[in-house]
């Protein structure tokens, strides 16, 4: 019965976690958690820029919500109140997507069981949604590094926007295409 509820890999993982046997995977997971903390730290800065409120007020509002998904809900509600064509809404919508992408990756690894004796190992993410069956995924050190790099990129973009008032290049090109056209010869 437990196998049907928790999945084959979860049953094996209760006896032995592959993370303990693979320090290189553990190090990357630790780095992912640390880099995601940088992403999480920048949520109030984005809220402050979107609303024009003081950063300390944005920290207070966002900090009331423990779960990052609830903080994303606050950002979503603030975005809804903006003109759909406004620059602020387009920028906030972009960053909301980046926050969600980083959160999805982080959750996949943080809320998972790990099984395997060598690279690759297998993870089985835990889902509290009983309508969504959990499934095992093969993870190589290379794939883990690639997903960590994505979270790093989000952290860099958020810092550049919130502290240096710089937009990510891809977003800047989309919002201001005239600045990126090749000169006519």
C-alpha atoms as a PDB file:
ATOM      1  CA  UNK A   1       0.000   0.000   0.000  1.00  0.00           C
ATOM      2  CA  UNK A   2       2.748   2.482   0.909  1.00  0.00           C
ATOM      3  CA  UNK A   3       4.431   1.816  -2.445  1.00  0.00           C
ATOM      4  CA  UNK A   4       1.232   2.815  -4.262  1.00  0.00           C
ATOM      5  CA  UNK A   5       0.828   5.997  -2.230  1.00  0.00           C
ATOM      6  CA  UNK A   6       4.431   7.206  -2.042  1.00  0.00           C
ATOM      7  CA  UNK A   7       5.960   5.655  -5.160  1.00  0.00           C
ATOM      8  CA  UNK A   8       8.702   3.129  -5.660  1.00  0.00           C
ATOM      9  CA  UNK A   9      11.618   5.540  -5.354  1.00  0.00           C
ATOM     10  CA  UNK A  10      10.299   7.201  -2.222  1.00  0.00           C
ATOM     11  CA  UNK A  11      10.135   3.815  -0.502  1.00  0.00           C
ATOM     12  CA  UNK A  12      13.772   3.135  -1.364  1.00  0.00           C
ATOM     13  CA  UNK A  13      14.822   6.651  -0.406  1.00  0.00           C
ATOM     14  CA  UNK A  14      13.503   6.237   3.120  1.00  0.00           C
ATOM     15  CA  UNK A  15      16.176   3.586   3.641  1.00  0.00           C
ATOM     16  CA  UNK A  16      19.004   5.541   2.021  1.00  0.00           C
ATOM     17  CA  UNK A  17      19.265   9.029   0.580  1.00  0.00           C
ATOM     18  CA  UNK A  18      21.499   9.235  -2.468  1.00  0.00           C
ATOM     19  CA  UNK A  19      22.427  12.784  -1.476  1.00  0.00           C
ATOM     20  CA  UNK A  20      24.455  11.505   1.461  1.00  0.00           C
ATOM     21  CA  UNK A  21      26.422   9.258  -0.879  1.00  0.00           C
ATOM     22  CA  UNK A  22      27.072  12.000  -3.448  1.00  0.00           C
ATOM     23  CA  UNK A  23      28.747  15.066  -1.953  1.00  0.00           C
ATOM     24  CA  UNK A  24      28.945  16.767  -5.373  1.00  0.00           C
ATOM     25  CA  UNK A  25      25.144  16.626  -5.712  1.00  0.00           C
ATOM     26  CA  UNK A  26      24.743  17.788  -2.124  1.00  0.00           C
ATOM     27  CA  UNK A  27      27.049  20.760  -2.759  1.00  0.00           C
ATOM     28  CA  UNK A  28      25.046  21.829  -5.815  1.00  0.00           C
ATOM     29  CA  UNK A  29      21.783  21.506  -3.898  1.00  0.00           C
ATOM     30  CA  UNK A  30      23.227  23.622  -1.098  1.00  0.00           C
ATOM     31  CA  UNK A  31      24.282  26.232  -3.649  1.00  0.00           C
ATOM     32  CA  UNK A  32      20.791  26.152  -5.175  1.00  0.00           C
ATOM     33  CA  UNK A  33      19.184  26.839  -1.800  1.00  0.00           C
ATOM     34  CA  UNK A  34      21.616  29.701  -1.138  1.00  0.00           C
ATOM     35  CA  UNK A  35      21.112  31.289  -4.567  1.00  0.00           C
ATOM     36  CA  UNK A  36      17.344  30.963  -4.285  1.00  0.00           C
ATOM     37  CA  UNK A  37      17.571  32.914  -1.022  1.00  0.00           C
ATOM     38  CA  UNK A  38      18.957  35.778  -3.140  1.00  0.00           C
ATOM     39  CA  UNK A  39      15.960  35.486  -5.473  1.00  0.00           C
ATOM     40  CA  UNK A  40      13.590  35.475  -2.520  1.00  0.00           C
ATOM     41  CA  UNK A  41      15.345  38.488  -0.993  1.00  0.00           C
ATOM     42  CA  UNK A  42      14.594  40.571  -4.087  1.00  0.00           C
ATOM     43  CA  UNK A  43      10.820  40.061  -4.108  1.00  0.00           C
ATOM     44  CA  UNK A  44      10.194  43.113  -1.855  1.00  0.00           C
ATOM     45  CA  UNK A  45      12.445  45.266  -4.051  1.00  0.00           C
ATOM     46  CA  UNK A  46      10.373  44.363  -7.128  1.00  0.00           C
ATOM     47  CA  UNK A  47       7.149  45.066  -5.201  1.00  0.00           C
ATOM     48  CA  UNK A  48       8.550  48.448  -4.122  1.00  0.00           C
ATOM     49  CA  UNK A  49       9.517  49.395  -7.690  1.00  0.00           C
ATOM     50  CA  UNK A  50       6.119  48.309  -9.034  1.00  0.00           C
ATOM     51  CA  UNK A  51       4.096  50.199  -6.459  1.00  0.00           C
ATOM     52  CA  UNK A  52       6.380  53.114  -5.669  1.00  0.00           C
ATOM     53  CA  UNK A  53       6.197  52.251  -1.969  1.00  0.00           C
ATOM     54  CA  UNK A  54       9.119  52.406   0.389  1.00  0.00           C
ATOM     55  CA  UNK A  55      11.300  49.268   0.311  1.00  0.00           C
ATOM     56  CA  UNK A  56      10.902  48.753   4.067  1.00  0.00           C
ATOM     57  CA  UNK A  57       7.095  48.780   3.640  1.00  0.00           C
ATOM     58  CA  UNK A  58       7.375  46.266   0.803  1.00  0.00           C
ATOM     59  CA  UNK A  59       9.531  44.040   3.042  1.00  0.00           C
ATOM     60  CA  UNK A  60       6.899  44.261   5.770  1.00  0.00           C
ATOM     61  CA  UNK A  61       4.053  43.346   3.427  1.00  0.00           C
ATOM     62  CA  UNK A  62       5.856  40.489   1.699  1.00  0.00           C
ATOM     63  CA  UNK A  63       7.272  39.107   4.953  1.00  0.00           C
ATOM     64  CA  UNK A  64       3.791  38.485   6.331  1.00  0.00           C
ATOM     65  CA  UNK A  65       3.540  35.543   3.923  1.00  0.00           C
ATOM     66  CA  UNK A  66       5.748  32.567   4.788  1.00  0.00           C
ATOM     67  CA  UNK A  67       5.275  30.575   1.585  1.00  0.00           C
ATOM     68  CA  UNK A  68       6.936  31.961  -1.511  1.00  0.00           C
ATOM     69  CA  UNK A  69       3.892  31.001  -3.585  1.00  0.00           C
ATOM     70  CA  UNK A  70       1.780  33.332  -1.400  1.00  0.00           C
ATOM     71  CA  UNK A  71       4.269  36.116  -2.034  1.00  0.00           C
ATOM     72  CA  UNK A  72       3.866  35.452  -5.746  1.00  0.00           C
ATOM     73  CA  UNK A  73       0.102  35.791  -5.253  1.00  0.00           C
ATOM     74  CA  UNK A  74       0.637  39.251  -3.730  1.00  0.00           C
ATOM     75  CA  UNK A  75       2.787  40.246  -6.708  1.00  0.00           C
ATOM     76  CA  UNK A  76       0.125  38.897  -9.090  1.00  0.00           C
ATOM     77  CA  UNK A  77      -2.602  40.953  -7.416  1.00  0.00           C
ATOM     78  CA  UNK A  78      -0.464  44.094  -7.586  1.00  0.00           C
ATOM     79  CA  UNK A  79       0.181  43.454 -11.285  1.00  0.00           C
ATOM     80  CA  UNK A  80      -3.548  43.071 -11.998  1.00  0.00           C
ATOM     81  CA  UNK A  81      -4.126  46.625 -10.818  1.00  0.00           C
ATOM     82  CA  UNK A  82      -1.816  48.070 -13.484  1.00  0.00           C
ATOM     83  CA  UNK A  83      -2.702  49.112 -17.015  1.00  0.00           C
ATOM     84  CA  UNK A  84      -2.005  46.054 -19.219  1.00  0.00           C
ATOM     85  CA  UNK A  85      -0.028  48.231 -21.639  1.00  0.00           C
ATOM     86  CA  UNK A  86       2.059  49.954 -18.982  1.00  0.00           C
ATOM     87  CA  UNK A  87       5.777  49.464 -18.806  1.00  0.00           C
ATOM     88  CA  UNK A  88       5.531  48.679 -15.078  1.00  0.00           C
ATOM     89  CA  UNK A  89       3.081  45.846 -15.676  1.00  0.00           C
ATOM     90  CA  UNK A  90       5.168  44.335 -18.466  1.00  0.00           C
ATOM     91  CA  UNK A  91       8.309  44.450 -16.333  1.00  0.00           C
ATOM     92  CA  UNK A  92       6.556  43.051 -13.244  1.00  0.00           C
ATOM     93  CA  UNK A  93       4.955  40.288 -15.335  1.00  0.00           C
ATOM     94  CA  UNK A  94       8.368  39.337 -16.693  1.00  0.00           C
ATOM     95  CA  UNK A  95       9.846  39.123 -13.214  1.00  0.00           C
ATOM     96  CA  UNK A  96       6.830  37.257 -11.868  1.00  0.00           C
ATOM     97  CA  UNK A  97       7.548  34.619 -14.509  1.00  0.00           C
ATOM     98  CA  UNK A  98      11.210  34.497 -13.526  1.00  0.00           C
ATOM     99  CA  UNK A  99      10.293  34.173  -9.830  1.00  0.00           C
ATOM    100  CA  UNK A 100       7.930  31.299 -10.690  1.00  0.00           C
ATOM    101  CA  UNK A 101      10.523  29.555 -12.828  1.00  0.00           C
ATOM    102  CA  UNK A 102      13.169  29.738 -10.098  1.00  0.00           C
ATOM    103  CA  UNK A 103      10.656  28.611  -7.477  1.00  0.00           C
ATOM    104  CA  UNK A 104       9.532  25.638  -9.589  1.00  0.00           C
ATOM    105  CA  UNK A 105      13.111  24.438  -9.974  1.00  0.00           C
ATOM    106  CA  UNK A 106      13.954  24.986  -6.313  1.00  0.00           C
ATOM    107  CA  UNK A 107      10.815  23.146  -5.185  1.00  0.00           C
ATOM    108  CA  UNK A 108      11.536  20.214  -7.472  1.00  0.00           C
ATOM    109  CA  UNK A 109      14.844  19.589  -5.711  1.00  0.00           C
ATOM    110  CA  UNK A 110      14.052  20.680  -2.166  1.00  0.00           C
ATOM    111  CA  UNK A 111      10.865  18.629  -1.922  1.00  0.00           C
ATOM    112  CA  UNK A 112      12.169  15.354  -3.323  1.00  0.00           C
ATOM    113  CA  UNK A 113      13.512  11.925  -2.467  1.00  0.00           C
ATOM    114  CA  UNK A 114      16.859  10.927  -3.981  1.00  0.00           C
ATOM    115  CA  UNK A 115      17.951   7.449  -5.076  1.00  0.00           C
ATOM    116  CA  UNK A 116      21.016   6.186  -6.886  1.00  0.00           C
ATOM    117  CA  UNK A 117      24.513   4.887  -6.461  1.00  0.00           C
ATOM    118  CA  UNK A 118      26.224   6.995  -9.128  1.00  0.00           C
ATOM    119  CA  UNK A 119      25.668   9.845 -11.578  1.00  0.00           C
ATOM    120  CA  UNK A 120      22.878  10.017 -12.661  1.00  0.00           C
ATOM    121  CA  UNK A 121      20.685   9.767  -9.606  1.00  0.00           C
ATOM    122  CA  UNK A 122      16.908   9.762  -9.566  1.00  0.00           C
ATOM    123  CA  UNK A 123      14.642  12.180  -7.807  1.00  0.00           C
ATOM    124  CA  UNK A 124      11.000  11.820  -7.036  1.00  0.00           C
ATOM    125  CA  UNK A 125       9.549  15.217  -6.187  1.00  0.00           C
ATOM    126  CA  UNK A 126       6.905  15.245  -3.490  1.00  0.00           C
ATOM    127  CA  UNK A 127       3.650  16.799  -4.551  1.00  0.00           C
ATOM    128  CA  UNK A 128       1.018  17.753  -2.015  1.00  0.00           C
ATOM    129  CA  UNK A 129      -1.461  17.769  -4.893  1.00  0.00           C
ATOM    130  CA  UNK A 130      -3.138  14.353  -4.838  1.00  0.00           C
ATOM    131  CA  UNK A 131      -4.419  14.948  -8.394  1.00  0.00           C
ATOM    132  CA  UNK A 132      -0.883  15.176  -9.752  1.00  0.00           C
ATOM    133  CA  UNK A 133       0.951  11.865  -9.559  1.00  0.00           C
ATOM    134  CA  UNK A 134       4.577  12.046  -8.602  1.00  0.00           C
ATOM    135  CA  UNK A 135       7.088  10.606 -11.049  1.00  0.00           C
ATOM    136  CA  UNK A 136      10.785   9.832 -10.921  1.00  0.00           C
ATOM    137  CA  UNK A 137      13.228  11.899 -12.946  1.00  0.00           C
ATOM    138  CA  UNK A 138      16.808  11.097 -13.844  1.00  0.00           C
ATOM    139  CA  UNK A 139      19.138  13.906 -12.791  1.00  0.00           C
ATOM    140  CA  UNK A 140      22.736  14.220 -13.854  1.00  0.00           C
ATOM    141  CA  UNK A 141      25.202  16.541 -12.208  1.00  0.00           C
ATOM    142  CA  UNK A 142      25.236  18.463 -15.499  1.00  0.00           C
ATOM    143  CA  UNK A 143      21.435  18.931 -15.446  1.00  0.00           C
ATOM    144  CA  UNK A 144      21.525  20.032 -11.811  1.00  0.00           C
ATOM    145  CA  UNK A 145      24.245  22.584 -12.651  1.00  0.00           C
ATOM    146  CA  UNK A 146      22.207  23.828 -15.612  1.00  0.00           C
ATOM    147  CA  UNK A 147      19.142  24.418 -13.442  1.00  0.00           C
ATOM    148  CA  UNK A 148      21.297  26.060 -10.772  1.00  0.00           C
ATOM    149  CA  UNK A 149      22.649  28.369 -13.490  1.00  0.00           C
ATOM    150  CA  UNK A 150      19.097  29.364 -14.383  1.00  0.00           C
ATOM    151  CA  UNK A 151      18.381  30.349 -10.776  1.00  0.00           C
ATOM    152  CA  UNK A 152      21.702  32.246 -10.709  1.00  0.00           C
ATOM    153  CA  UNK A 153      20.652  34.147 -13.842  1.00  0.00           C
ATOM    154  CA  UNK A 154      17.338  35.089 -12.220  1.00  0.00           C
ATOM    155  CA  UNK A 155      19.170  36.333  -9.114  1.00  0.00           C
ATOM    156  CA  UNK A 156      21.496  38.464 -11.259  1.00  0.00           C
ATOM    157  CA  UNK A 157      18.581  39.928 -13.261  1.00  0.00           C
ATOM    158  CA  UNK A 158      16.637  40.764 -10.110  1.00  0.00           C
ATOM    159  CA  UNK A 159      19.596  42.460  -8.475  1.00  0.00           C
ATOM    160  CA  UNK A 160      20.407  44.459 -11.620  1.00  0.00           C
ATOM    161  CA  UNK A 161      16.790  45.617 -11.896  1.00  0.00           C
ATOM    162  CA  UNK A 162      16.064  46.310  -8.248  1.00  0.00           C
ATOM    163  CA  UNK A 163      19.371  47.934  -7.267  1.00  0.00           C
ATOM    164  CA  UNK A 164      20.842  49.216 -10.537  1.00  0.00           C
ATOM    165  CA  UNK A 165      17.646  49.936 -12.506  1.00  0.00           C
ATOM    166  CA  UNK A 166      18.843  47.741 -15.403  1.00  0.00           C
ATOM    167  CA  UNK A 167      16.522  45.480 -17.385  1.00  0.00           C
ATOM    168  CA  UNK A 168      17.558  42.053 -18.634  1.00  0.00           C
ATOM    169  CA  UNK A 169      18.699  42.309 -22.251  1.00  0.00           C
ATOM    170  CA  UNK A 170      15.939  40.050 -23.615  1.00  0.00           C
ATOM    171  CA  UNK A 171      13.260  42.125 -21.867  1.00  0.00           C
ATOM    172  CA  UNK A 172      14.862  45.390 -22.954  1.00  0.00           C
ATOM    173  CA  UNK A 173      14.863  44.191 -26.590  1.00  0.00           C
ATOM    174  CA  UNK A 174      11.177  43.266 -26.344  1.00  0.00           C
ATOM    175  CA  UNK A 175      10.154  46.550 -24.733  1.00  0.00           C
ATOM    176  CA  UNK A 176      12.408  48.835 -26.772  1.00  0.00           C
ATOM    177  CA  UNK A 177      12.975  47.157 -30.158  1.00  0.00           C
ATOM    178  CA  UNK A 178      13.982  50.410 -31.858  1.00  0.00           C
ATOM    179  CA  UNK A 179      17.100  50.592 -29.677  1.00  0.00           C
ATOM    180  CA  UNK A 180      18.226  47.178 -30.884  1.00  0.00           C
ATOM    181  CA  UNK A 181      17.732  47.446 -34.643  1.00  0.00           C
ATOM    182  CA  UNK A 182      20.836  47.199 -36.772  1.00  0.00           C
ATOM    183  CA  UNK A 183      21.699  50.494 -38.414  1.00  0.00           C
ATOM    184  CA  UNK A 184      20.719  50.784 -42.087  1.00  0.00           C
ATOM    185  CA  UNK A 185      23.645  50.690 -44.450  1.00  0.00           C
END
